[in-house]
All heavy atoms as atom14 arrays in JSON, in Angstrom:
{
  "sequence": "AALEPQWIEAPLDGGPAALFRSITTIDRALGSFRPDIIHAHHRKAA",
  "atom14_mask": [
    [1, 1, 1, 1, 1, 0, 0, 0, 0, 0, 0, 0, 0, 0],
    [1, 1, 1, 1, 1, 0, 0, 0, 0, 0, 0, 0, 0, 0],
    [1, 1, 1, 1, 1, 1, 1, 1, 0, 0, 0, 0, 0, 0],
    [1, 1, 1, 1, 1, 1, 1, 1, 1, 0, 0, 0, 0, 0],
    [1, 1, 1, 1, 1, 1, 1, 0, 0, 0, 0, 0, 0, 0],
    [1, 1, 1, 1, 1, 1, 1, 1, 1, 0, 0, 0, 0, 0],
    [1, 1, 1, 1, 1, 1, 1, 1, 1, 1, 1, 1, 1, 1],
    [1, 1, 1, 1, 1, 1, 1, 1, 0, 0, 0, 0, 0, 0],
    [1, 1, 1, 1, 1, 1, 1, 1, 1, 0, 0, 0, 0, 0],
    [1, 1, 1, 1, 1, 0, 0, 0, 0, 0, 0, 0, 0, 0],
    [1, 1, 1, 1, 1, 1, 1, 0, 0, 0, 0, 0, 0, 0],
    [1, 1, 1, 1, 1, 1, 1, 1, 0, 0, 0, 0, 0, 0],
    [1, 1, 1, 1, 1, 1, 1, 1, 0, 0, 0, 0, 0, 0],
    [1, 1, 1, 1, 0, 0, 0, 0, 0, 0, 0, 0, 0, 0],
    [1, 1, 1, 1, 0, 0, 0, 0, 0, 0, 0, 0, 0, 0],
    [1, 1, 1, 1, 1, 1, 1, 0, 0, 0, 0, 0, 0, 0],
    [1, 1, 1, 1, 1, 0, 0, 0, 0, 0, 0, 0, 0, 0],
    [1, 1, 1, 1, 1, 0, 0, 0, 0, 0, 0, 0, 0, 0],
    [1, 1, 1, 1, 1, 1, 1, 1, 0, 0, 0, 0, 0, 0],
    [1, 1, 1, 1, 1, 1, 1, 1, 1, 1, 1, 0, 0, 0],
    [1, 1, 1, 1, 1, 1, 1, 1, 1, 1, 1, 0, 0, 0],
    [1, 1, 1, 1, 1, 1, 0, 0, 0, 0, 0, 0, 0, 0],
    [1, 1, 1, 1, 1, 1, 1, 1, 0, 0, 0, 0, 0, 0],
    [1, 1, 1, 1, 1, 1, 1, 0, 0, 0, 0, 0, 0, 0],
    [1, 1, 1, 1, 1, 1, 1, 0, 0, 0, 0, 0, 0, 0],
    [1, 1, 1, 1, 1, 1, 1, 1, 0, 0, 0, 0, 0, 0],
    [1, 1, 1, 1, 1, 1, 1, 1, 0, 0, 0, 0, 0, 0],
    [1, 1, 1, 1, 1, 1, 1, 1, 1, 1, 1, 0, 0, 0],
    [1, 1, 1, 1, 1, 0, 0, 0, 0, 0, 0, 0, 0, 0],
    [1, 1, 1, 1, 1, 1, 1, 1, 0, 0, 0, 0, 0, 0],
    [1, 1, 1, 1, 0, 0, 0, 0, 0, 0, 0, 0, 0, 0],
    [1, 1, 1, 1, 1, 1, 0, 0, 0, 0, 0, 0, 0, 0],
    [1, 1, 1, 1, 1, 1, 1, 1, 1, 1, 1, 0, 0, 0],
    [1, 1, 1, 1, 1, 1, 1, 1, 1, 1, 1, 0, 0, 0],
    [1, 1, 1, 1, 1, 1, 1, 0, 0, 0, 0, 0, 0, 0],
    [1, 1, 1, 1, 1, 1, 1, 1, 0, 0, 0, 0, 0, 0],
    [1, 1, 1, 1, 1, 1, 1, 1, 0, 0, 0, 0, 0, 0],
    [1, 1, 1, 1, 1, 1, 1, 1, 0, 0, 0, 0, 0, 0],
    [1, 1, 1, 1, 1, 1, 1, 1, 1, 1, 0, 0, 0, 0],
    [1, 1, 1, 1, 1, 0, 0, 0, 0, 0, 0, 0, 0, 0],
    [1, 1, 1, 1, 1, 1, 1, 1, 1, 1, 0, 0, 0, 0],
    [1, 1, 1, 1, 1, 1, 1, 1, 1, 1, 0, 0, 0, 0],
    [1, 1, 1, 1, 1, 1, 1, 1, 1, 1, 1, 0, 0, 0],
    [1, 1, 1, 1, 1, 1, 1, 1, 1, 0, 0, 0, 0, 0],
    [1, 1, 1, 1, 1, 0, 0, 0, 0, 0, 0, 0, 0, 0],
    [1, 1, 1, 1, 1, 0, 0, 0, 0, 0, 0, 0, 0, 0]
  ],
  "atom14_positions": [
    [[-3.05, -14.39, -8.4], [-3.85, -15.36, -7.66], [-3.03, -16.05, -6.58], [-3.49, -16.2, -5.43], [-4.46, -16.38, -8.62], [0.0, 0.0, 0.0], [0.0, 0.0, 0.0], [0.0, 0.0, 0.0], [0.0, 0.0, 0.0], [0.0, 0.0, 0.0], [0.0, 0.0, 0.0], [0.0, 0.0, 0.0], [0.0, 0.0, 0.0], [0.0, 0.0, 0.0]],
    [[-1.82, -16.47, -6.93], [-0.99, -17.17, -5.96], [-0.5, -16.25, -4.85], [-0.11, -16.71, -3.78], [0.2, -17.82, -6.66], [0.0, 0.0, 0.0], [0.0, 0.0, 0.0], [0.0, 0.0, 0.0], [0.0, 0.0, 0.0], [0.0, 0.0, 0.0], [0.0, 0.0, 0.0], [0.0, 0.0, 0.0], [0.0, 0.0, 0.0], [0.0, 0.0, 0.0]],
    [[-0.52, -14.93, -5.11], [-0.03, -13.96, -4.13], [-1.15, -13.3, -3.35], [-0.91, -12.41, -2.54], [0.8, -12.88, -4.85], [1.91, -13.38, -5.78], [2.53, -12.21, -6.53], [2.97, -14.13, -5.01], [0.0, 0.0, 0.0], [0.0, 0.0, 0.0], [0.0, 0.0, 0.0], [0.0, 0.0, 0.0], [0.0, 0.0, 0.0], [0.0, 0.0, 0.0]],
    [[-2.38, -13.73, -3.6], [-3.54, -13.07, -3.01], [-3.49, -12.93, -1.49], [-3.88, -11.89, -0.96], [-4.83, -13.81, -3.43], [-6.12, -13.14, -2.97], [-6.33, -11.76, -3.57], [-5.86, -11.53, -4.69], [-6.95, -10.91, -2.91], [0.0, 0.0, 0.0], [0.0, 0.0, 0.0], [0.0, 0.0, 0.0], [0.0, 0.0, 0.0], [0.0, 0.0, 0.0]],
    [[-3.0, -13.93, -0.76], [-2.96, -13.74, 0.7], [-2.11, -12.55, 1.15], [-2.3, -12.04, 2.25], [-2.36, -15.07, 1.2], [-2.68, -16.05, 0.14], [-2.6, -15.28, -1.15], [0.0, 0.0, 0.0], [0.0, 0.0, 0.0], [0.0, 0.0, 0.0], [0.0, 0.0, 0.0], [0.0, 0.0, 0.0], [0.0, 0.0, 0.0], [0.0, 0.0, 0.0]],
    [[-1.17, -12.13, 0.28], [-0.31, -11.0, 0.64], [-0.75, -9.68, -0.02], [-0.03, -8.71, -0.03], [1.14, -11.29, 0.23], [1.81, -12.42, 1.02], [1.47, -13.78, 0.47], [1.23, -13.96, -0.72], [1.43, -14.78, 1.34], [0.0, 0.0, 0.0], [0.0, 0.0, 0.0], [0.0, 0.0, 0.0], [0.0, 0.0, 0.0], [0.0, 0.0, 0.0]],
    [[-1.95, -9.68, -0.6], [-2.41, -8.5, -1.33], [-3.1, -7.51, -0.38], [-3.9, -7.9, 0.46], [-3.4, -8.91, -2.43], [-3.84, -7.75, -3.27], [-4.91, -6.93, -3.05], [-3.19, -7.24, -4.44], [-4.98, -5.95, -4.01], [-3.93, -6.12, -4.87], [-2.06, -7.64, -5.15], [-3.57, -5.39, -6.0], [-1.71, -6.9, -6.27], [-2.46, -5.79, -6.69]],
    [[-2.77, -6.24, -0.54], [-3.42, -5.17, 0.22], [-4.12, -4.25, -0.77], [-3.47, -3.64, -1.64], [-2.41, -4.36, 1.05], [-1.69, -5.28, 2.06], [-3.1, -3.21, 1.77], [-0.52, -4.62, 2.76], [0.0, 0.0, 0.0], [0.0, 0.0, 0.0], [0.0, 0.0, 0.0], [0.0, 0.0, 0.0], [0.0, 0.0, 0.0], [0.0, 0.0, 0.0]],
    [[-5.43, -4.18, -0.69], [-6.2, -3.35, -1.61], [-6.05, -1.88, -1.21], [-6.49, -1.45, -0.13], [-7.67, -3.75, -1.58], [-8.55, -2.98, -2.54], [-8.3, -3.33, -4.0], [-7.59, -4.33, -4.26], [-8.83, -2.62, -4.88], [0.0, 0.0, 0.0], [0.0, 0.0, 0.0], [0.0, 0.0, 0.0], [0.0, 0.0, 0.0], [0.0, 0.0, 0.0]],
    [[-5.4, -1.09, -2.06], [-5.13, 0.32, -1.76], [-5.01, 1.09, -3.06], [-3.93, 1.18, -3.64], [-3.84, 0.44, -0.95], [0.0, 0.0, 0.0], [0.0, 0.0, 0.0], [0.0, 0.0, 0.0], [0.0, 0.0, 0.0], [0.0, 0.0, 0.0], [0.0, 0.0, 0.0], [0.0, 0.0, 0.0], [0.0, 0.0, 0.0], [0.0, 0.0, 0.0]],
    [[-6.12, 1.67, -3.55], [-6.05, 2.45, -4.79], [-5.07, 3.61, -4.67], [-5.08, 4.35, -3.69], [-7.49, 2.95, -4.96], [-8.32, 1.97, -4.2], [-7.48, 1.57, -3.03], [0.0, 0.0, 0.0], [0.0, 0.0, 0.0], [0.0, 0.0, 0.0], [0.0, 0.0, 0.0], [0.0, 0.0, 0.0], [0.0, 0.0, 0.0], [0.0, 0.0, 0.0]],
    [[-4.2, 3.73, -5.68], [-3.16, 4.76, -5.65], [-3.25, 5.71, -6.83], [-2.27, 6.33, -7.21], [-1.78, 4.08, -5.65], [-1.47, 3.19, -4.44], [-0.17, 2.44, -4.66], [-1.39, 4.03, -3.19], [0.0, 0.0, 0.0], [0.0, 0.0, 0.0], [0.0, 0.0, 0.0], [0.0, 0.0, 0.0], [0.0, 0.0, 0.0], [0.0, 0.0, 0.0]],
    [[-4.44, 5.83, -7.41], [-4.57, 6.63, -8.61], [-5.4, 7.89, -8.38], [-5.88, 8.51, -9.32], [-5.22, 5.8, -9.73], [-4.76, 6.26, -11.11], [-3.75, 6.97, -11.18], [-5.41, 5.89, -12.1], [0.0, 0.0, 0.0], [0.0, 0.0, 0.0], [0.0, 0.0, 0.0], [0.0, 0.0, 0.0], [0.0, 0.0, 0.0], [0.0, 0.0, 0.0]],
    [[-5.58, 8.28, -7.12], [-6.39, 9.45, -6.83], [-5.56, 10.66, -6.45], [-4.34, 10.71, -6.68], [0.0, 0.0, 0.0], [0.0, 0.0, 0.0], [0.0, 0.0, 0.0], [0.0, 0.0, 0.0], [0.0, 0.0, 0.0], [0.0, 0.0, 0.0], [0.0, 0.0, 0.0], [0.0, 0.0, 0.0], [0.0, 0.0, 0.0], [0.0, 0.0, 0.0]],
    [[-6.23, 11.63, -5.83], [-5.57, 12.85, -5.39], [-4.95, 12.68, -4.02], [-4.86, 11.59, -3.47], [0.0, 0.0, 0.0], [0.0, 0.0, 0.0], [0.0, 0.0, 0.0], [0.0, 0.0, 0.0], [0.0, 0.0, 0.0], [0.0, 0.0, 0.0], [0.0, 0.0, 0.0], [0.0, 0.0, 0.0], [0.0, 0.0, 0.0], [0.0, 0.0, 0.0]],
    [[-4.51, 13.81, -3.41], [-3.83, 13.75, -2.1], [-4.65, 13.05, -1.02], [-4.1, 12.28, -0.24], [-3.6, 15.23, -1.76], [-3.54, 15.9, -3.1], [-4.51, 15.18, -3.96], [0.0, 0.0, 0.0], [0.0, 0.0, 0.0], [0.0, 0.0, 0.0], [0.0, 0.0, 0.0], [0.0, 0.0, 0.0], [0.0, 0.0, 0.0], [0.0, 0.0, 0.0]],
    [[-5.95, 13.3, -0.97], [-6.77, 12.68, 0.07], [-6.8, 11.17, -0.09], [-6.7, 10.41, 0.88], [-8.2, 13.24, 0.03], [0.0, 0.0, 0.0], [0.0, 0.0, 0.0], [0.0, 0.0, 0.0], [0.0, 0.0, 0.0], [0.0, 0.0, 0.0], [0.0, 0.0, 0.0], [0.0, 0.0, 0.0], [0.0, 0.0, 0.0], [0.0, 0.0, 0.0]],
    [[-6.93, 10.71, -1.35], [-6.95, 9.26, -1.6], [-5.61, 8.62, -1.26], [-5.57, 7.52, -0.7], [-7.31, 9.0, -3.06], [0.0, 0.0, 0.0], [0.0, 0.0, 0.0], [0.0, 0.0, 0.0], [0.0, 0.0, 0.0], [0.0, 0.0, 0.0], [0.0, 0.0, 0.0], [0.0, 0.0, 0.0], [0.0, 0.0, 0.0], [0.0, 0.0, 0.0]],
    [[-4.52, 9.31, -1.57], [-3.21, 8.77, -1.24], [-3.01, 8.69, 0.27], [-2.43, 7.71, 0.78], [-2.11, 9.62, -1.88], [-2.05, 9.63, -3.41], [-0.89, 10.5, -3.89], [-1.91, 8.23, -3.96], [0.0, 0.0, 0.0], [0.0, 0.0, 0.0], [0.0, 0.0, 0.0], [0.0, 0.0, 0.0], [0.0, 0.0, 0.0], [0.0, 0.0, 0.0]],
    [[-3.49, 9.69, 0.98], [-3.37, 9.67, 2.45], [-4.16, 8.5, 3.02], [-3.68, 7.81, 3.93], [-3.86, 10.98, 3.04], [-3.71, 11.06, 4.54], [-2.48, 11.33, 5.12], [-4.79, 10.8, 5.37], [-2.34, 11.37, 6.5], [-4.67, 10.85, 6.75], [-3.43, 11.13, 7.31], [0.0, 0.0, 0.0], [0.0, 0.0, 0.0], [0.0, 0.0, 0.0]],
    [[-5.35, 8.25, 2.47], [-6.14, 7.12, 2.95], [-5.44, 5.81, 2.64], [-5.49, 4.85, 3.44], [-7.53, 7.13, 2.29], [-8.46, 8.22, 2.82], [-9.9, 7.97, 2.4], [-10.06, 7.98, 0.95], [-10.32, 9.08, 0.24], [-10.44, 10.26, 0.85], [-10.47, 9.01, -1.07], [0.0, 0.0, 0.0], [0.0, 0.0, 0.0], [0.0, 0.0, 0.0]],
    [[-4.77, 5.75, 1.49], [-4.04, 4.53, 1.13], [-2.9, 4.26, 2.11], [-2.64, 3.11, 2.48], [-3.5, 4.64, -0.29], [-4.54, 4.63, -1.24], [0.0, 0.0, 0.0], [0.0, 0.0, 0.0], [0.0, 0.0, 0.0], [0.0, 0.0, 0.0], [0.0, 0.0, 0.0], [0.0, 0.0, 0.0], [0.0, 0.0, 0.0], [0.0, 0.0, 0.0]],
    [[-2.22, 5.32, 2.54], [-1.14, 5.16, 3.52], [-1.69, 4.53, 4.8], [-1.12, 3.57, 5.33], [-0.48, 6.53, 3.82], [0.25, 7.05, 2.58], [0.48, 6.4, 5.0], [0.66, 8.51, 2.68], [0.0, 0.0, 0.0], [0.0, 0.0, 0.0], [0.0, 0.0, 0.0], [0.0, 0.0, 0.0], [0.0, 0.0, 0.0], [0.0, 0.0, 0.0]],
    [[-2.8, 5.06, 5.27], [-3.42, 4.53, 6.49], [-3.88, 3.09, 6.29], [-3.68, 2.22, 7.15], [-4.61, 5.41, 6.9], [-4.16, 6.77, 7.05], [-5.23, 4.93, 8.21], [0.0, 0.0, 0.0], [0.0, 0.0, 0.0], [0.0, 0.0, 0.0], [0.0, 0.0, 0.0], [0.0, 0.0, 0.0], [0.0, 0.0, 0.0], [0.0, 0.0, 0.0]],
    [[-4.49, 2.81, 5.12], [-4.99, 1.46, 4.84], [-3.84, 0.45, 4.82], [-3.93, -0.64, 5.4], [-5.71, 1.44, 3.48], [-6.84, 2.31, 3.54], [-6.15, 0.03, 3.12], [0.0, 0.0, 0.0], [0.0, 0.0, 0.0], [0.0, 0.0, 0.0], [0.0, 0.0, 0.0], [0.0, 0.0, 0.0], [0.0, 0.0, 0.0], [0.0, 0.0, 0.0]],
    [[-2.75, 0.79, 4.14], [-1.61, -0.12, 4.04], [-1.0, -0.34, 5.41], [-0.69, -1.48, 5.81], [-0.57, 0.42, 3.05], [-1.14, 0.48, 1.64], [0.7, -0.44, 3.08], [-0.28, 1.24, 0.65], [0.0, 0.0, 0.0], [0.0, 0.0, 0.0], [0.0, 0.0, 0.0], [0.0, 0.0, 0.0], [0.0, 0.0, 0.0], [0.0, 0.0, 0.0]],
    [[-0.82, 0.74, 6.16], [-0.21, 0.65, 7.48], [-1.0, -0.3, 8.38], [-0.43, -1.18, 9.05], [-0.15, 2.05, 8.1], [0.68, 2.08, 9.38], [1.53, 1.2, 9.56], [0.46, 2.99, 10.2], [0.0, 0.0, 0.0], [0.0, 0.0, 0.0], [0.0, 0.0, 0.0], [0.0, 0.0, 0.0], [0.0, 0.0, 0.0], [0.0, 0.0, 0.0]],
    [[-2.32, -0.17, 8.37], [-3.15, -1.04, 9.21], [-3.12, -2.48, 8.72], [-3.07, -3.42, 9.52], [-4.58, -0.52, 9.21], [-4.77, 0.78, 9.97], [-6.19, 1.3, 9.82], [-6.39, 2.52, 10.6], [-7.46, 3.3, 10.5], [-8.45, 2.98, 9.65], [-7.57, 4.39, 11.24], [0.0, 0.0, 0.0], [0.0, 0.0, 0.0], [0.0, 0.0, 0.0]],
    [[-3.13, -2.66, 7.39], [-3.18, -4.02, 6.85], [-1.88, -4.79, 7.07], [-1.89, -6.03, 7.1], [-3.49, -3.96, 5.35], [0.0, 0.0, 0.0], [0.0, 0.0, 0.0], [0.0, 0.0, 0.0], [0.0, 0.0, 0.0], [0.0, 0.0, 0.0], [0.0, 0.0, 0.0], [0.0, 0.0, 0.0], [0.0, 0.0, 0.0], [0.0, 0.0, 0.0]],
    [[-0.78, -4.09, 7.25], [0.49, -4.78, 7.44], [0.52, -5.54, 8.76], [1.21, -6.55, 8.89], [1.65, -3.78, 7.37], [1.97, -3.23, 5.98], [3.06, -2.17, 6.06], [2.4, -4.34, 5.03], [0.0, 0.0, 0.0], [0.0, 0.0, 0.0], [0.0, 0.0, 0.0], [0.0, 0.0, 0.0], [0.0, 0.0, 0.0], [0.0, 0.0, 0.0]],
    [[-0.22, -5.05, 9.74], [-0.28, -5.74, 11.03], [1.1, -5.9, 11.64], [1.84, -4.93, 11.82], [0.0, 0.0, 0.0], [0.0, 0.0, 0.0], [0.0, 0.0, 0.0], [0.0, 0.0, 0.0], [0.0, 0.0, 0.0], [0.0, 0.0, 0.0], [0.0, 0.0, 0.0], [0.0, 0.0, 0.0], [0.0, 0.0, 0.0], [0.0, 0.0, 0.0]],
    [[1.48, -7.14, 11.91], [2.78, -7.41, 12.53], [3.92, -7.46, 11.51], [5.08, -7.58, 11.89], [2.73, -8.73, 13.3], [2.43, -9.8, 12.43], [0.0, 0.0, 0.0], [0.0, 0.0, 0.0], [0.0, 0.0, 0.0], [0.0, 0.0, 0.0], [0.0, 0.0, 0.0], [0.0, 0.0, 0.0], [0.0, 0.0, 0.0], [0.0, 0.0, 0.0]],
    [[3.58, -7.38, 10.22], [4.6, -7.41, 9.16], [5.36, -6.09, 9.17], [4.77, -5.01, 9.06], [3.93, -7.62, 7.81], [4.88, -7.68, 6.63], [5.43, -8.87, 6.22], [5.2, -6.52, 5.91], [6.29, -8.94, 5.13], [6.05, -6.57, 4.83], [6.6, -7.78, 4.44], [0.0, 0.0, 0.0], [0.0, 0.0, 0.0], [0.0, 0.0, 0.0]],
    [[6.66, -6.15, 9.32], [7.5, -4.95, 9.33], [8.46, -5.0, 8.16], [9.38, -5.82, 8.13], [8.28, -4.84, 10.65], [7.39, -4.57, 11.86], [6.74, -3.19, 11.7], [5.89, -2.83, 12.81], [4.58, -3.02, 12.84], [3.98, -3.62, 11.81], [3.85, -2.65, 13.86], [0.0, 0.0, 0.0], [0.0, 0.0, 0.0], [0.0, 0.0, 0.0]],
    [[8.27, -4.14, 7.16], [9.13, -4.21, 5.96], [10.56, -3.78, 6.23], [10.81, -2.83, 6.97], [8.44, -3.24, 4.99], [7.65, -2.31, 5.85], [7.24, -3.09, 7.06], [0.0, 0.0, 0.0], [0.0, 0.0, 0.0], [0.0, 0.0, 0.0], [0.0, 0.0, 0.0], [0.0, 0.0, 0.0], [0.0, 0.0, 0.0], [0.0, 0.0, 0.0]],
    [[11.47, -4.53, 5.64], [12.88, -4.13, 5.62], [13.16, -3.23, 4.42], [14.11, -2.45, 4.43], [13.78, -5.36, 5.54], [13.59, -6.3, 6.71], [13.75, -5.86, 7.85], [13.26, -7.48, 6.46], [0.0, 0.0, 0.0], [0.0, 0.0, 0.0], [0.0, 0.0, 0.0], [0.0, 0.0, 0.0], [0.0, 0.0, 0.0], [0.0, 0.0, 0.0]],
    [[12.35, -3.39, 3.37], [12.48, -2.63, 2.13], [11.08, -2.29, 1.65], [10.17, -3.13, 1.68], [13.19, -3.45, 1.03], [14.66, -3.69, 1.38], [13.07, -2.78, -0.35], [15.55, -2.45, 1.28], [0.0, 0.0, 0.0], [0.0, 0.0, 0.0], [0.0, 0.0, 0.0], [0.0, 0.0, 0.0], [0.0, 0.0, 0.0], [0.0, 0.0, 0.0]],
    [[10.9, -1.06, 1.17], [9.68, -0.7, 0.44], [10.1, -0.37, -0.98], [11.01, 0.42, -1.22], [8.96, 0.48, 1.1], [8.46, 0.07, 2.49], [7.78, 0.95, 0.23], [7.83, 1.19, 3.28], [0.0, 0.0, 0.0], [0.0, 0.0, 0.0], [0.0, 0.0, 0.0], [0.0, 0.0, 0.0], [0.0, 0.0, 0.0], [0.0, 0.0, 0.0]],
    [[9.44, -1.01, -1.94], [9.8, -0.88, -3.35], [8.61, -0.3, -4.1], [7.56, -0.94, -4.19], [10.18, -2.25, -3.9], [10.82, -2.21, -5.24], [11.53, -3.28, -5.77], [10.88, -1.24, -6.2], [11.98, -2.96, -6.97], [11.58, -1.73, -7.26], [0.0, 0.0, 0.0], [0.0, 0.0, 0.0], [0.0, 0.0, 0.0], [0.0, 0.0, 0.0]],
    [[8.77, 0.91, -4.62], [7.69, 1.6, -5.33], [7.94, 1.56, -6.83], [9.08, 1.6, -7.3], [7.59, 3.05, -4.87], [0.0, 0.0, 0.0], [0.0, 0.0, 0.0], [0.0, 0.0, 0.0], [0.0, 0.0, 0.0], [0.0, 0.0, 0.0], [0.0, 0.0, 0.0], [0.0, 0.0, 0.0], [0.0, 0.0, 0.0], [0.0, 0.0, 0.0]],
    [[6.82, 1.53, -7.6], [6.92, 1.35, -9.05], [6.2, 2.43, -9.85], [6.11, 2.31, -11.06], [6.37, -0.03, -9.44], [7.17, -1.16, -8.86], [8.23, -1.76, -9.5], [7.06, -1.8, -7.66], [8.73, -2.71, -8.74], [8.05, -2.76, -7.62], [0.0, 0.0, 0.0], [0.0, 0.0, 0.0], [0.0, 0.0, 0.0], [0.0, 0.0, 0.0]],
    [[5.68, 3.45, -9.2], [5.11, 4.62, -9.88], [5.39, 5.83, -8.99], [5.69, 5.68, -7.79], [3.59, 4.5, -10.07], [3.18, 3.36, -10.95], [2.9, 2.11, -10.46], [2.99, 3.3, -12.29], [2.56, 1.31, -11.45], [2.61, 2.0, -12.57], [0.0, 0.0, 0.0], [0.0, 0.0, 0.0], [0.0, 0.0, 0.0], [0.0, 0.0, 0.0]],
    [[5.23, 7.02, -9.56], [5.52, 8.21, -8.76], [4.55, 8.37, -7.59], [4.97, 8.7, -6.48], [5.51, 9.46, -9.66], [6.78, 9.57, -10.47], [6.97, 10.92, -11.08], [6.08, 11.13, -12.21], [6.23, 12.13, -13.09], [7.21, 13.0, -12.95], [5.41, 12.26, -14.11], [0.0, 0.0, 0.0], [0.0, 0.0, 0.0], [0.0, 0.0, 0.0]],
    [[3.27, 8.12, -7.81], [2.32, 8.21, -6.69], [2.61, 7.12, -5.66], [2.49, 7.34, -4.46], [0.89, 8.12, -7.2], [0.41, 9.38, -7.91], [-1.07, 9.3, -8.26], [-1.55, 10.59, -8.89], [-2.98, 10.55, -9.25], [0.0, 0.0, 0.0], [0.0, 0.0, 0.0], [0.0, 0.0, 0.0], [0.0, 0.0, 0.0], [0.0, 0.0, 0.0]],
    [[2.97, 5.95, -6.16], [3.34, 4.87, -5.24], [4.55, 5.26, -4.41], [4.65, 4.9, -3.23], [3.62, 3.59, -6.02], [0.0, 0.0, 0.0], [0.0, 0.0, 0.0], [0.0, 0.0, 0.0], [0.0, 0.0, 0.0], [0.0, 0.0, 0.0], [0.0, 0.0, 0.0], [0.0, 0.0, 0.0], [0.0, 0.0, 0.0], [0.0, 0.0, 0.0]],
    [[5.47, 6.01, -5.0], [6.66, 6.44, -4.27], [6.31, 7.44, -3.17], [6.92, 7.44, -2.1], [7.68, 7.05, -5.23], [0.0, 0.0, 0.0], [0.0, 0.0, 0.0], [0.0, 0.0, 0.0], [0.0, 0.0, 0.0], [0.0, 0.0, 0.0], [0.0, 0.0, 0.0], [0.0, 0.0, 0.0], [0.0, 0.0, 0.0], [0.0, 0.0, 0.0]]
  ]
}
């Protein structure tokens, strides 16, 4: 709840097409935010 303003809705539990859509969704949602580090916590997330 406290982190909601920084939340990006991107389901990562689907097949290749869903993962590709998630990449596009996250990229667009980041806007001017440019990550110095990306930290993944599952294989699909990686």
